[in-house]
N, C-alpha and C. Protein backbone atom coordinates (compact mmCIF):
# COMPACT_ATOMS: atom_id res chain seq x y z
N MET A 1 74.62 164.27 85.54
CA MET A 1 74.22 163.44 86.49
C MET A 1 73.27 162.62 85.54
N ALA A 2 73.10 161.08 86.33
CA ALA A 2 72.36 160.21 85.28
C ALA A 2 70.87 160.44 85.64
N THR A 3 70.17 160.31 84.93
CA THR A 3 68.67 160.57 84.92
C THR A 3 67.98 159.06 85.72
N MET A 4 66.57 159.62 86.11
CA MET A 4 66.01 158.31 86.59
C MET A 4 66.02 157.11 85.79
N THR A 5 65.76 157.61 84.57
CA THR A 5 65.63 156.56 83.54
C THR A 5 66.83 155.69 83.29
N GLU A 6 67.95 156.45 83.22
CA GLU A 6 69.33 155.87 83.18
C GLU A 6 69.54 154.93 84.19
N GLN A 7 69.00 155.33 85.27
CA GLN A 7 69.37 154.75 86.60
C GLN A 7 68.71 153.07 86.74
N ALA A 8 67.21 153.40 86.43
CA ALA A 8 66.32 152.30 86.03
C ALA A 8 67.16 151.37 84.97
N GLY A 9 67.51 151.81 84.01
CA GLY A 9 68.11 150.84 83.03
C GLY A 9 69.23 150.12 83.44
N ASP A 10 70.06 150.63 84.18
CA ASP A 10 71.37 150.24 84.74
C ASP A 10 71.18 149.07 85.80
N ARG A 11 70.03 149.64 86.42
CA ARG A 11 69.75 148.21 87.62
C ARG A 11 69.10 147.11 87.20
N ALA A 12 68.15 147.51 85.96
CA ALA A 12 67.80 146.27 85.25
C ALA A 12 68.50 145.45 84.51
N GLU A 13 69.90 146.07 83.91
CA GLU A 13 70.92 145.48 83.23
C GLU A 13 71.70 144.49 84.23
N ASP A 14 72.06 145.09 85.67
CA ASP A 14 72.65 144.55 86.47
C ASP A 14 71.79 143.35 86.99
N GLN A 15 70.28 143.50 87.24
CA GLN A 15 69.65 142.10 87.72
C GLN A 15 69.73 141.10 86.57
N GLN A 16 69.77 141.48 85.28
CA GLN A 16 69.80 140.78 84.04
C GLN A 16 70.99 139.78 84.14
N ALA A 17 72.04 140.83 84.48
CA ALA A 17 73.49 140.27 84.38
C ALA A 17 73.63 139.03 85.44
N GLU A 18 73.27 139.42 86.67
CA GLU A 18 72.89 138.37 87.87
C GLU A 18 72.32 137.15 87.51
N ALA A 19 71.09 137.18 86.99
CA ALA A 19 70.23 136.15 86.52
C ALA A 19 71.17 135.26 85.46
N VAL A 20 71.68 135.84 84.36
CA VAL A 20 72.48 135.15 83.48
C VAL A 20 73.84 134.18 84.40
N ALA A 21 74.43 135.04 85.23
CA ALA A 21 75.58 134.54 85.87
C ALA A 21 75.19 133.17 86.97
N ASP A 22 73.49 133.41 87.50
CA ASP A 22 73.25 132.36 88.42
C ASP A 22 72.84 131.07 87.27
N GLN A 23 72.25 131.73 86.08
CA GLN A 23 71.85 130.51 85.17
C GLN A 23 73.17 129.73 84.65
N ALA A 24 74.07 130.33 84.64
CA ALA A 24 75.38 129.62 83.98
C ALA A 24 76.37 129.18 85.10
N ALA A 25 75.77 128.13 85.56
CA ALA A 25 76.63 127.13 86.43
C ALA A 25 77.77 126.45 85.92
N GLY A 26 78.81 127.11 86.65
CA GLY A 26 80.19 126.42 86.19
C GLY A 26 80.38 125.10 86.78
N LYS A 27 81.30 124.49 86.27
CA LYS A 27 81.64 123.10 86.64
C LYS A 27 81.94 122.94 88.51
N LEU A 28 82.76 123.66 88.84
CA LEU A 28 82.71 123.75 90.30
C LEU A 28 81.19 123.74 90.98
N GLU A 29 80.53 124.65 90.59
CA GLU A 29 79.11 124.74 91.30
C GLU A 29 78.31 123.43 91.00
N GLN A 30 78.70 122.58 89.85
CA GLN A 30 77.91 121.37 89.63
C GLN A 30 78.47 120.44 90.30
N VAL A 31 79.57 120.59 90.58
CA VAL A 31 80.13 119.43 91.67
C VAL A 31 79.69 119.37 92.93
N ILE A 32 79.75 120.66 93.36
CA ILE A 32 79.32 120.82 94.81
C ILE A 32 77.77 120.57 95.04
N ALA A 33 77.05 121.02 93.91
CA ALA A 33 75.54 120.32 93.81
C ALA A 33 75.38 118.91 94.03
N ALA A 34 76.32 118.22 92.99
CA ALA A 34 76.10 116.62 93.09
C ALA A 34 76.38 116.32 94.59
N GLN A 35 77.55 116.70 95.26
CA GLN A 35 78.08 116.17 96.58
C GLN A 35 76.81 116.37 97.57
N VAL A 36 76.48 117.70 97.45
CA VAL A 36 75.71 118.34 98.62
C VAL A 36 74.41 117.17 98.62
N ARG A 37 73.72 117.26 97.13
CA ARG A 37 72.67 116.33 97.02
C ARG A 37 73.06 114.74 97.48
N HIS A 38 74.22 114.37 97.23
CA HIS A 38 74.61 112.84 97.26
C HIS A 38 74.52 112.68 98.77
N TYR A 39 75.10 113.68 99.56
CA TYR A 39 75.20 113.34 100.96
C TYR A 39 74.09 113.29 101.52
N ARG A 40 73.18 114.76 101.32
CA ARG A 40 72.17 114.48 101.88
C ARG A 40 71.21 113.44 101.89
N THR A 41 71.09 112.79 100.66
CA THR A 41 70.07 111.73 100.47
C THR A 41 70.56 110.62 100.98
N ALA A 42 72.24 110.61 101.26
CA ALA A 42 72.50 109.36 101.85
C ALA A 42 72.37 109.41 103.53
N ALA A 43 72.17 110.62 103.81
CA ALA A 43 71.96 110.92 105.46
C ALA A 43 70.52 110.81 105.65
N GLY A 44 69.95 110.44 104.60
CA GLY A 44 68.19 110.32 104.67
C GLY A 44 67.64 111.86 105.24
N LEU A 45 68.07 113.01 104.82
CA LEU A 45 67.65 114.12 105.14
C LEU A 45 67.10 114.99 104.03
N SER A 46 65.86 115.43 104.31
CA SER A 46 65.13 116.32 103.36
C SER A 46 65.67 117.79 103.10
N SER A 47 65.36 118.47 102.29
CA SER A 47 66.07 119.90 102.00
C SER A 47 65.63 120.68 103.10
N ALA A 48 64.64 120.40 103.79
CA ALA A 48 63.99 121.46 105.14
C ALA A 48 64.81 120.94 106.17
N GLU A 49 64.92 119.69 106.27
CA GLU A 49 66.15 119.19 107.38
C GLU A 49 67.33 119.55 107.34
N LEU A 50 68.16 119.69 106.14
CA LEU A 50 69.38 120.11 105.99
C LEU A 50 69.45 121.68 106.30
N ALA A 51 68.24 122.25 105.69
CA ALA A 51 68.37 123.73 106.20
C ALA A 51 68.27 124.30 107.51
N ALA A 52 67.46 123.42 108.25
CA ALA A 52 67.44 123.63 109.67
C ALA A 52 68.76 123.32 110.36
N ARG A 53 69.47 122.12 109.99
CA ARG A 53 70.74 121.96 110.65
C ARG A 53 71.83 122.84 110.25
N THR A 54 71.63 123.57 109.11
CA THR A 54 72.59 124.28 108.73
C THR A 54 72.55 125.79 108.90
N GLY A 55 71.44 126.26 109.32
CA GLY A 55 70.97 127.83 109.39
C GLY A 55 70.59 128.62 108.13
N LEU A 56 70.88 127.66 107.05
CA LEU A 56 70.41 128.12 105.81
C LEU A 56 68.88 127.77 105.39
N SER A 57 68.42 128.73 104.32
CA SER A 57 67.20 128.71 103.97
C SER A 57 66.90 127.37 103.10
N LYS A 58 65.89 126.94 102.97
CA LYS A 58 65.31 125.84 102.07
C LYS A 58 65.62 126.43 100.58
N ALA A 59 65.43 127.66 100.43
CA ALA A 59 65.57 128.18 99.06
C ALA A 59 66.83 127.92 98.76
N MET A 60 67.97 128.45 99.64
CA MET A 60 69.26 128.50 99.45
C MET A 60 69.72 127.12 99.19
N ILE A 61 69.50 125.89 99.90
CA ILE A 61 69.78 124.91 99.84
C ILE A 61 69.20 124.12 98.47
N SER A 62 68.12 124.40 97.62
CA SER A 62 67.82 124.19 96.49
C SER A 62 68.62 124.66 95.46
N ARG A 63 68.90 126.20 95.91
CA ARG A 63 69.72 126.83 94.75
C ARG A 63 71.38 126.00 94.71
N VAL A 64 71.67 125.56 95.62
CA VAL A 64 73.15 124.87 95.99
C VAL A 64 72.94 123.49 95.08
N GLU A 65 71.55 123.01 95.37
CA GLU A 65 71.81 121.40 94.80
C GLU A 65 71.30 121.60 93.38
N THR A 66 71.03 122.79 92.78
CA THR A 66 70.68 122.77 91.46
C THR A 66 71.98 123.65 90.67
N ALA A 67 72.69 123.88 91.27
CA ALA A 67 74.21 124.67 90.76
C ALA A 67 73.74 126.07 90.46
N THR A 68 72.63 126.66 91.01
CA THR A 68 72.44 128.03 90.49
C THR A 68 72.87 129.10 91.32
N THR A 69 73.67 128.74 92.15
CA THR A 69 74.47 129.53 92.87
C THR A 69 75.74 129.30 93.35
N SER A 70 76.71 130.57 93.58
CA SER A 70 78.17 130.04 93.95
C SER A 70 78.18 130.36 95.56
N CYS A 71 78.75 129.13 96.32
CA CYS A 71 78.84 129.35 97.71
C CYS A 71 79.72 129.97 98.24
N SER A 72 79.72 130.73 99.45
CA SER A 72 80.67 131.29 99.85
C SER A 72 81.49 130.41 100.97
N LEU A 73 82.57 130.54 101.34
CA LEU A 73 83.40 129.84 102.25
C LEU A 73 82.42 129.15 103.67
N THR A 74 81.85 130.35 103.80
CA THR A 74 80.86 129.95 105.44
C THR A 74 79.92 129.18 104.85
N THR A 75 78.87 129.38 103.50
CA THR A 75 78.11 128.48 103.37
C THR A 75 78.54 126.99 103.32
N LEU A 76 79.78 126.95 102.62
CA LEU A 76 80.16 125.43 102.48
C LEU A 76 80.49 125.08 103.61
N GLN A 77 81.22 125.88 104.44
CA GLN A 77 81.58 125.20 105.80
C GLN A 77 80.05 124.74 106.82
N ARG A 78 79.05 125.58 106.72
CA ARG A 78 77.61 125.21 107.37
C ARG A 78 77.31 123.92 106.70
N LEU A 79 77.24 123.65 105.29
CA LEU A 79 76.59 122.54 104.82
C LEU A 79 77.57 121.44 105.01
N ALA A 80 78.95 121.44 104.89
CA ALA A 80 79.63 120.33 105.44
C ALA A 80 79.40 120.10 107.06
N ASP A 81 79.21 121.05 107.79
CA ASP A 81 78.99 120.69 109.31
C ASP A 81 77.32 120.02 109.42
N GLY A 82 76.72 120.39 108.40
CA GLY A 82 75.11 119.85 108.57
C GLY A 82 75.38 118.61 107.83
N LEU A 83 76.00 117.84 107.04
CA LEU A 83 76.26 116.94 106.46
C LEU A 83 77.02 115.77 107.24
N LYS A 84 78.08 116.52 108.18
CA LYS A 84 78.91 115.68 109.09
C LYS A 84 80.03 115.16 108.19
N VAL A 85 80.41 116.04 106.97
CA VAL A 85 81.89 115.59 106.18
C VAL A 85 82.55 116.80 106.13
N PRO A 86 84.02 116.39 105.81
CA PRO A 86 84.81 117.57 105.77
C PRO A 86 84.48 118.46 104.62
N VAL A 87 84.91 119.68 104.55
CA VAL A 87 84.74 120.75 103.51
C VAL A 87 85.06 120.13 102.24
N THR A 88 86.29 119.26 102.26
CA THR A 88 86.94 118.84 100.95
C THR A 88 85.93 117.98 100.16
N ALA A 89 85.16 117.10 101.16
CA ALA A 89 84.25 116.07 100.45
C ALA A 89 83.25 116.81 99.53
N LEU A 90 83.09 118.12 99.71
CA LEU A 90 81.93 118.73 98.90
C LEU A 90 82.65 119.22 97.56
N PHE A 91 84.06 119.04 97.10
CA PHE A 91 84.60 119.40 95.92
C PHE A 91 85.06 118.03 95.16
N ARG A 92 84.84 116.82 96.02
CA ARG A 92 85.20 115.78 95.43
C ARG A 92 84.85 115.58 93.68
N GLY A 93 85.68 115.35 93.07
CA GLY A 93 85.11 115.07 91.70
C GLY A 93 85.53 116.54 90.72
N ALA A 94 85.81 117.50 91.66
CA ALA A 94 86.64 118.72 90.69
C ALA A 94 87.66 118.50 90.01
N ASP A 95 88.73 117.78 90.35
CA ASP A 95 89.52 117.76 89.86
C ASP A 95 89.70 116.39 89.18
N THR A 96 89.27 116.25 88.17
CA THR A 96 88.97 114.76 87.61
C THR A 96 89.94 114.11 86.71
N ASP A 97 91.05 115.02 86.70
CA ASP A 97 92.40 113.80 85.91
C ASP A 97 92.97 113.21 87.27
N ARG A 98 92.80 111.75 87.05
CA ARG A 98 92.90 110.80 88.25
C ARG A 98 93.96 109.73 87.52
N ASP A 99 95.06 109.38 87.74
CA ASP A 99 95.81 108.24 87.14
C ASP A 99 95.33 106.81 87.47
N ALA A 100 95.37 106.07 86.45
CA ALA A 100 94.95 104.41 86.49
C ALA A 100 95.86 103.74 85.75
N THR A 101 96.22 102.67 86.11
CA THR A 101 97.01 101.82 85.37
C THR A 101 96.21 100.52 85.08
N PHE A 102 95.86 100.16 83.77
CA PHE A 102 95.31 98.72 83.50
C PHE A 102 96.28 97.75 82.77
N THR A 103 96.24 96.64 83.14
CA THR A 103 97.16 95.95 82.78
C THR A 103 96.35 94.50 82.37
N LYS A 104 96.78 94.00 81.18
CA LYS A 104 96.10 92.92 80.64
C LYS A 104 96.99 91.89 80.99
N SER A 105 96.13 90.65 81.14
CA SER A 105 96.50 89.17 81.61
C SER A 105 97.58 89.00 80.78
N GLY A 106 98.89 88.58 81.52
CA GLY A 106 100.13 88.19 80.95
C GLY A 106 100.84 89.35 80.43
N GLN A 107 100.67 90.68 80.80
CA GLN A 107 101.44 91.57 80.74
C GLN A 107 101.95 91.99 82.22
N GLY A 108 102.71 93.32 82.22
CA GLY A 108 103.28 93.97 83.30
C GLY A 108 104.78 93.89 82.74
N SER A 109 105.27 94.70 83.98
CA SER A 109 106.74 95.01 83.63
C SER A 109 107.28 93.88 84.72
N LEU A 110 108.15 93.30 83.83
CA LEU A 110 108.99 92.17 84.60
C LEU A 110 110.21 92.42 85.25
N THR A 111 110.08 92.33 86.74
CA THR A 111 111.15 92.93 87.34
C THR A 111 112.44 91.77 88.08
N VAL A 112 113.28 92.00 87.85
CA VAL A 112 114.47 91.24 88.04
C VAL A 112 114.93 91.48 89.43
N ARG A 113 114.78 90.21 90.15
CA ARG A 113 115.26 90.31 91.46
C ARG A 113 115.81 89.18 92.14
N SER A 114 116.58 89.05 92.98
CA SER A 114 117.47 88.00 93.43
C SER A 114 116.27 86.82 93.51
N GLY A 115 116.90 85.72 92.81
CA GLY A 115 115.91 84.50 92.84
C GLY A 115 114.90 84.51 91.29
N THR A 116 115.23 85.53 90.66
CA THR A 116 114.58 85.19 89.30
C THR A 116 114.68 84.59 88.54
N GLN A 117 116.12 84.53 88.27
CA GLN A 117 116.93 83.27 87.36
C GLN A 117 116.55 81.82 87.99
N HIS A 118 116.22 81.65 88.96
CA HIS A 118 115.73 80.29 89.81
C HIS A 118 114.39 79.84 89.69
N GLY A 119 113.92 80.82 88.51
CA GLY A 119 112.39 80.13 88.26
C GLY A 119 111.43 81.02 89.06
N HIS A 120 111.77 82.02 89.73
CA HIS A 120 110.81 83.16 90.76
C HIS A 120 110.65 84.30 89.42
N GLU A 121 109.65 84.51 89.17
CA GLU A 121 109.02 85.65 88.27
C GLU A 121 108.18 86.70 89.04
N TYR A 122 108.78 88.04 89.12
CA TYR A 122 107.87 89.21 89.77
C TYR A 122 107.53 90.03 88.45
N ARG A 123 106.21 90.18 88.30
CA ARG A 123 105.75 90.90 87.25
C ARG A 123 104.87 91.98 88.04
N VAL A 124 105.33 93.25 87.80
CA VAL A 124 104.76 94.35 88.80
C VAL A 124 103.46 94.73 87.76
N LEU A 125 102.50 95.06 88.25
CA LEU A 125 101.31 95.02 87.51
C LEU A 125 100.77 96.61 87.28
N GLY A 126 101.66 97.38 88.09
CA GLY A 126 101.17 98.92 87.56
C GLY A 126 101.50 99.67 88.77
N THR A 127 101.84 101.09 88.31
CA THR A 127 102.10 101.87 89.47
C THR A 127 101.53 103.09 88.88
N LEU A 128 101.38 104.39 89.92
CA LEU A 128 101.01 105.52 89.75
C LEU A 128 102.00 106.57 89.63
N LYS A 129 102.05 107.50 88.58
CA LYS A 129 103.26 108.38 88.55
C LYS A 129 103.11 109.56 89.58
N GLY A 130 104.41 109.77 90.01
CA GLY A 130 104.75 110.83 91.16
C GLY A 130 104.01 110.52 92.39
N ARG A 131 103.64 109.11 92.66
CA ARG A 131 102.91 108.92 94.04
C ARG A 131 104.12 108.46 94.85
N THR A 132 104.58 108.77 96.03
CA THR A 132 105.37 108.42 97.05
C THR A 132 104.86 107.21 97.97
N ASP A 133 103.12 107.49 98.22
CA ASP A 133 102.66 106.61 99.05
C ASP A 133 101.71 105.66 98.25
N ALA A 134 102.11 105.35 96.78
CA ALA A 134 101.55 104.41 95.72
C ALA A 134 101.72 103.08 96.19
N LEU A 135 100.61 102.04 96.12
CA LEU A 135 100.64 100.80 96.21
C LEU A 135 101.40 100.29 95.10
N GLU A 136 102.21 99.07 95.14
CA GLU A 136 102.88 98.30 94.01
C GLU A 136 102.53 96.74 94.21
N PRO A 137 101.72 96.75 93.29
CA PRO A 137 100.88 95.27 93.04
C PRO A 137 102.08 94.23 92.29
N THR A 138 102.25 93.01 92.76
CA THR A 138 103.13 92.51 92.08
C THR A 138 102.93 91.11 91.93
N LEU A 139 102.82 90.32 90.54
CA LEU A 139 102.31 89.16 90.69
C LEU A 139 103.42 88.09 90.87
N VAL A 140 103.54 87.33 91.70
CA VAL A 140 104.78 86.55 91.85
C VAL A 140 104.49 85.29 91.35
N THR A 141 105.34 84.52 90.55
CA THR A 141 104.86 83.06 89.80
C THR A 141 106.18 82.18 90.37
N LEU A 142 106.06 81.16 91.17
CA LEU A 142 107.08 80.46 91.33
C LEU A 142 106.80 78.75 90.68
N THR A 143 107.77 78.77 89.93
CA THR A 143 107.67 77.28 89.17
C THR A 143 108.72 76.17 89.26
N ASP A 144 110.05 76.77 90.03
CA ASP A 144 111.00 75.75 90.24
C ASP A 144 111.17 75.71 91.53
N ALA A 145 111.26 74.59 92.11
CA ALA A 145 111.74 74.47 93.64
C ALA A 145 113.37 74.45 93.59
N SER A 146 113.75 75.78 93.74
CA SER A 146 114.74 76.16 93.88
C SER A 146 115.61 76.03 95.43
N ASP A 147 116.56 76.11 95.53
CA ASP A 147 117.35 75.96 96.81
C ASP A 147 117.43 77.59 97.26
N VAL A 148 117.23 78.30 96.60
CA VAL A 148 117.39 79.78 96.74
C VAL A 148 116.01 80.62 96.93
N PHE A 149 115.98 81.00 98.09
CA PHE A 149 114.82 81.29 98.44
C PHE A 149 114.92 83.05 99.12
N PRO A 150 115.14 83.88 98.44
CA PRO A 150 115.50 85.35 98.62
C PRO A 150 114.44 86.00 99.66
N LEU A 151 115.07 86.54 100.77
CA LEU A 151 114.01 87.22 101.65
C LEU A 151 114.39 88.61 101.34
N PHE A 152 113.13 89.46 101.64
CA PHE A 152 113.01 90.95 101.06
C PHE A 152 112.89 91.92 102.52
N GLN A 153 113.41 92.84 102.64
CA GLN A 153 113.12 94.23 103.59
C GLN A 153 112.63 95.45 103.03
N HIS A 154 111.77 96.19 103.25
CA HIS A 154 111.57 97.15 102.75
C HIS A 154 110.75 98.17 103.78
N PRO A 155 110.56 99.36 103.62
CA PRO A 155 109.73 100.21 104.43
C PRO A 155 108.30 100.05 103.97
N GLY A 156 107.53 100.19 104.84
CA GLY A 156 106.00 99.93 104.70
C GLY A 156 105.56 98.64 105.04
N THR A 157 104.29 98.33 104.48
CA THR A 157 103.58 97.27 104.80
C THR A 157 103.33 96.52 103.47
N GLU A 158 102.96 94.92 103.53
CA GLU A 158 102.97 94.39 102.22
C GLU A 158 101.81 93.46 102.68
N PHE A 159 100.99 93.08 101.42
CA PHE A 159 99.71 92.27 101.79
C PHE A 159 100.22 91.06 100.88
N ILE A 160 99.79 89.80 101.31
CA ILE A 160 100.34 88.82 100.44
C ILE A 160 99.00 87.86 100.15
N TYR A 161 98.59 87.61 99.02
CA TYR A 161 97.24 86.76 98.65
C TYR A 161 97.70 85.77 97.69
N MET A 162 97.29 84.32 98.09
CA MET A 162 97.80 83.38 97.74
C MET A 162 96.66 82.97 96.45
N LEU A 163 97.38 82.73 95.23
CA LEU A 163 96.24 82.44 94.12
C LEU A 163 96.16 80.90 93.66
N SER A 164 97.54 80.33 93.83
CA SER A 164 97.50 78.85 93.46
C SER A 164 98.73 78.13 94.09
N GLY A 165 98.67 76.95 94.41
CA GLY A 165 99.62 76.36 95.13
C GLY A 165 99.62 76.43 96.46
N ARG A 166 100.98 75.88 97.21
CA ARG A 166 101.04 75.82 98.46
C ARG A 166 102.63 76.09 98.74
N MET A 167 102.54 76.83 99.88
CA MET A 167 104.03 77.24 100.20
C MET A 167 104.12 77.41 101.60
N VAL A 168 105.28 77.45 102.27
CA VAL A 168 105.53 78.08 103.44
C VAL A 168 106.36 79.64 103.60
N TYR A 169 105.45 80.58 104.00
CA TYR A 169 106.08 81.62 103.88
C TYR A 169 106.76 82.21 105.28
N GLY A 170 107.73 82.90 105.15
CA GLY A 170 108.41 83.14 106.54
C GLY A 170 108.38 84.73 106.63
N HIS A 171 108.19 85.23 107.67
CA HIS A 171 108.06 86.87 108.18
C HIS A 171 108.75 86.72 109.79
N GLY A 172 110.05 87.07 109.74
CA GLY A 172 110.67 87.42 110.72
C GLY A 172 111.01 85.90 111.40
N SER A 173 110.66 85.61 112.72
CA SER A 173 110.72 84.23 113.03
C SER A 173 109.55 83.31 112.73
N TYR A 174 108.65 83.93 112.31
CA TYR A 174 107.26 83.08 112.08
C TYR A 174 107.33 82.59 110.81
N GLU A 175 106.48 81.31 110.70
CA GLU A 175 106.44 80.65 109.42
C GLU A 175 105.08 80.41 109.14
N TYR A 176 104.23 80.46 107.98
CA TYR A 176 103.09 80.53 107.90
C TYR A 176 102.81 79.43 106.64
N ALA A 177 102.00 78.39 106.66
CA ALA A 177 101.62 77.41 105.65
C ALA A 177 100.54 78.21 104.72
N MET A 178 100.77 78.25 103.49
CA MET A 178 99.57 79.03 102.92
C MET A 178 99.24 78.44 101.64
N GLU A 179 98.07 78.44 101.08
CA GLU A 179 97.47 77.88 100.00
C GLU A 179 96.47 78.82 99.64
N ALA A 180 96.06 78.44 98.43
CA ALA A 180 94.84 79.29 97.49
C ALA A 180 93.75 80.07 98.43
N GLY A 181 93.61 81.08 98.61
CA GLY A 181 92.63 81.92 99.52
C GLY A 181 93.46 82.44 100.50
N ASP A 182 94.47 82.04 101.34
CA ASP A 182 95.02 82.43 102.28
C ASP A 182 95.60 83.79 102.10
N SER A 183 95.73 84.73 103.17
CA SER A 183 96.25 86.14 103.14
C SER A 183 97.36 86.27 104.31
N LEU A 184 98.25 87.21 103.84
CA LEU A 184 98.96 87.48 105.19
C LEU A 184 99.35 89.01 104.91
N LEU A 185 98.93 89.59 106.19
CA LEU A 185 99.38 91.30 105.98
C LEU A 185 100.64 91.38 107.02
N LEU A 186 101.87 92.03 106.53
CA LEU A 186 102.90 92.01 107.35
C LEU A 186 103.67 93.49 107.18
N ASP A 187 104.45 93.57 108.45
CA ASP A 187 105.49 94.70 108.09
C ASP A 187 106.53 94.55 107.23
N GLY A 188 106.64 95.31 106.39
CA GLY A 188 108.15 95.01 105.24
C GLY A 188 109.29 94.94 105.98
N GLU A 189 109.37 95.88 106.99
CA GLU A 189 110.84 95.71 107.76
C GLU A 189 111.46 94.43 108.32
N GLY A 190 110.42 93.47 108.59
CA GLY A 190 110.68 92.08 108.85
C GLY A 190 111.20 91.28 107.58
N PRO A 191 112.07 90.50 107.76
CA PRO A 191 112.82 89.75 106.42
C PRO A 191 111.64 88.75 106.22
N HIS A 192 111.37 88.79 105.04
CA HIS A 192 109.98 87.98 104.64
C HIS A 192 110.37 87.29 103.14
N GLY A 193 109.61 86.18 102.77
CA GLY A 193 110.06 85.74 101.78
C GLY A 193 109.54 84.09 101.49
N PRO A 194 109.34 83.18 100.54
CA PRO A 194 108.95 81.96 100.69
C PRO A 194 110.15 81.18 100.99
N LEU A 195 109.89 80.36 102.06
CA LEU A 195 110.57 79.63 102.82
C LEU A 195 110.56 78.04 102.00
N GLU A 196 109.43 77.33 101.78
CA GLU A 196 109.26 76.18 101.67
C GLU A 196 108.33 76.25 100.22
N LEU A 197 108.48 75.43 99.28
CA LEU A 197 107.66 75.34 97.95
C LEU A 197 106.88 73.92 98.12
N LEU A 198 105.70 73.79 98.44
CA LEU A 198 105.17 72.77 98.63
C LEU A 198 104.48 72.01 97.69
N ASP A 199 103.63 72.99 96.65
CA ASP A 199 103.05 72.31 95.47
C ASP A 199 102.98 73.51 94.31
N LEU A 200 103.98 73.19 93.49
CA LEU A 200 104.29 73.97 92.26
C LEU A 200 103.38 74.11 91.05
N PRO A 201 102.81 74.76 90.36
CA PRO A 201 103.33 76.05 90.32
C PRO A 201 102.94 76.91 91.37
N ILE A 202 103.16 78.03 92.07
CA ILE A 202 102.91 78.65 93.08
C ILE A 202 102.64 80.22 92.36
N SER A 203 101.45 80.73 92.74
CA SER A 203 101.51 82.09 92.16
C SER A 203 100.63 82.97 93.40
N PHE A 204 100.81 84.09 93.88
CA PHE A 204 100.39 85.03 94.84
C PHE A 204 100.72 86.42 94.09
N LEU A 205 99.58 87.12 94.59
CA LEU A 205 99.85 88.68 94.79
C LEU A 205 100.53 89.22 96.03
N ALA A 206 101.68 90.00 95.65
CA ALA A 206 102.42 90.74 96.83
C ALA A 206 101.89 92.33 96.63
N ILE A 207 101.24 92.83 97.36
CA ILE A 207 100.89 94.22 97.30
C ILE A 207 101.48 95.24 98.57
N SER A 208 102.59 95.88 98.21
CA SER A 208 103.38 96.66 99.03
C SER A 208 103.06 98.34 99.02
N ALA A 209 102.66 98.76 100.31
CA ALA A 209 102.55 100.21 100.22
C ALA A 209 103.67 100.51 101.27
N LYS A 210 104.25 101.90 101.13
CA LYS A 210 105.10 102.71 101.61
C LYS A 210 104.63 103.41 102.87
């Protein structure tokens, strides 16, 4: 049977281990701490006000925001409710590996489409790997007043933003006179494309989303 001295020693070791565990904040605790602090200050709440909203103690709020405790699911739900954000918002930044594509001016993947051989250049500016819902930004440059104006149809939506030149752009039965600074958001299922090139060279961004 353990003596009182041994039991006291075990309790002291347990308390010390808990203290060390509390101090050694992991990455997830740091992320949650930063998000709770961010949303609390953005909402203009003090720690005491957030404590009152959530039913947690002010000391607990402090421990969460300093990443010196691991939150239970119940605590996370209370915090999210008190901050009026989804629980997932408190984990934002935990998975830091996010894809990005940087394309230098004049670079990008040249895509051959109908009309490319007629002075129409389509340069894809980047895509994200493995994303079925990703945007596809394309820089379109028209330099030749060709008689061939290909029309496109595809699922999803497309956003056109004119950079230079003037043209008439068609979508379904509608025609739009466009110049630098104009934009058009359209349903990709409707036939669309340049109908008339009025002032060359013409360049515009075509951003499609499935």
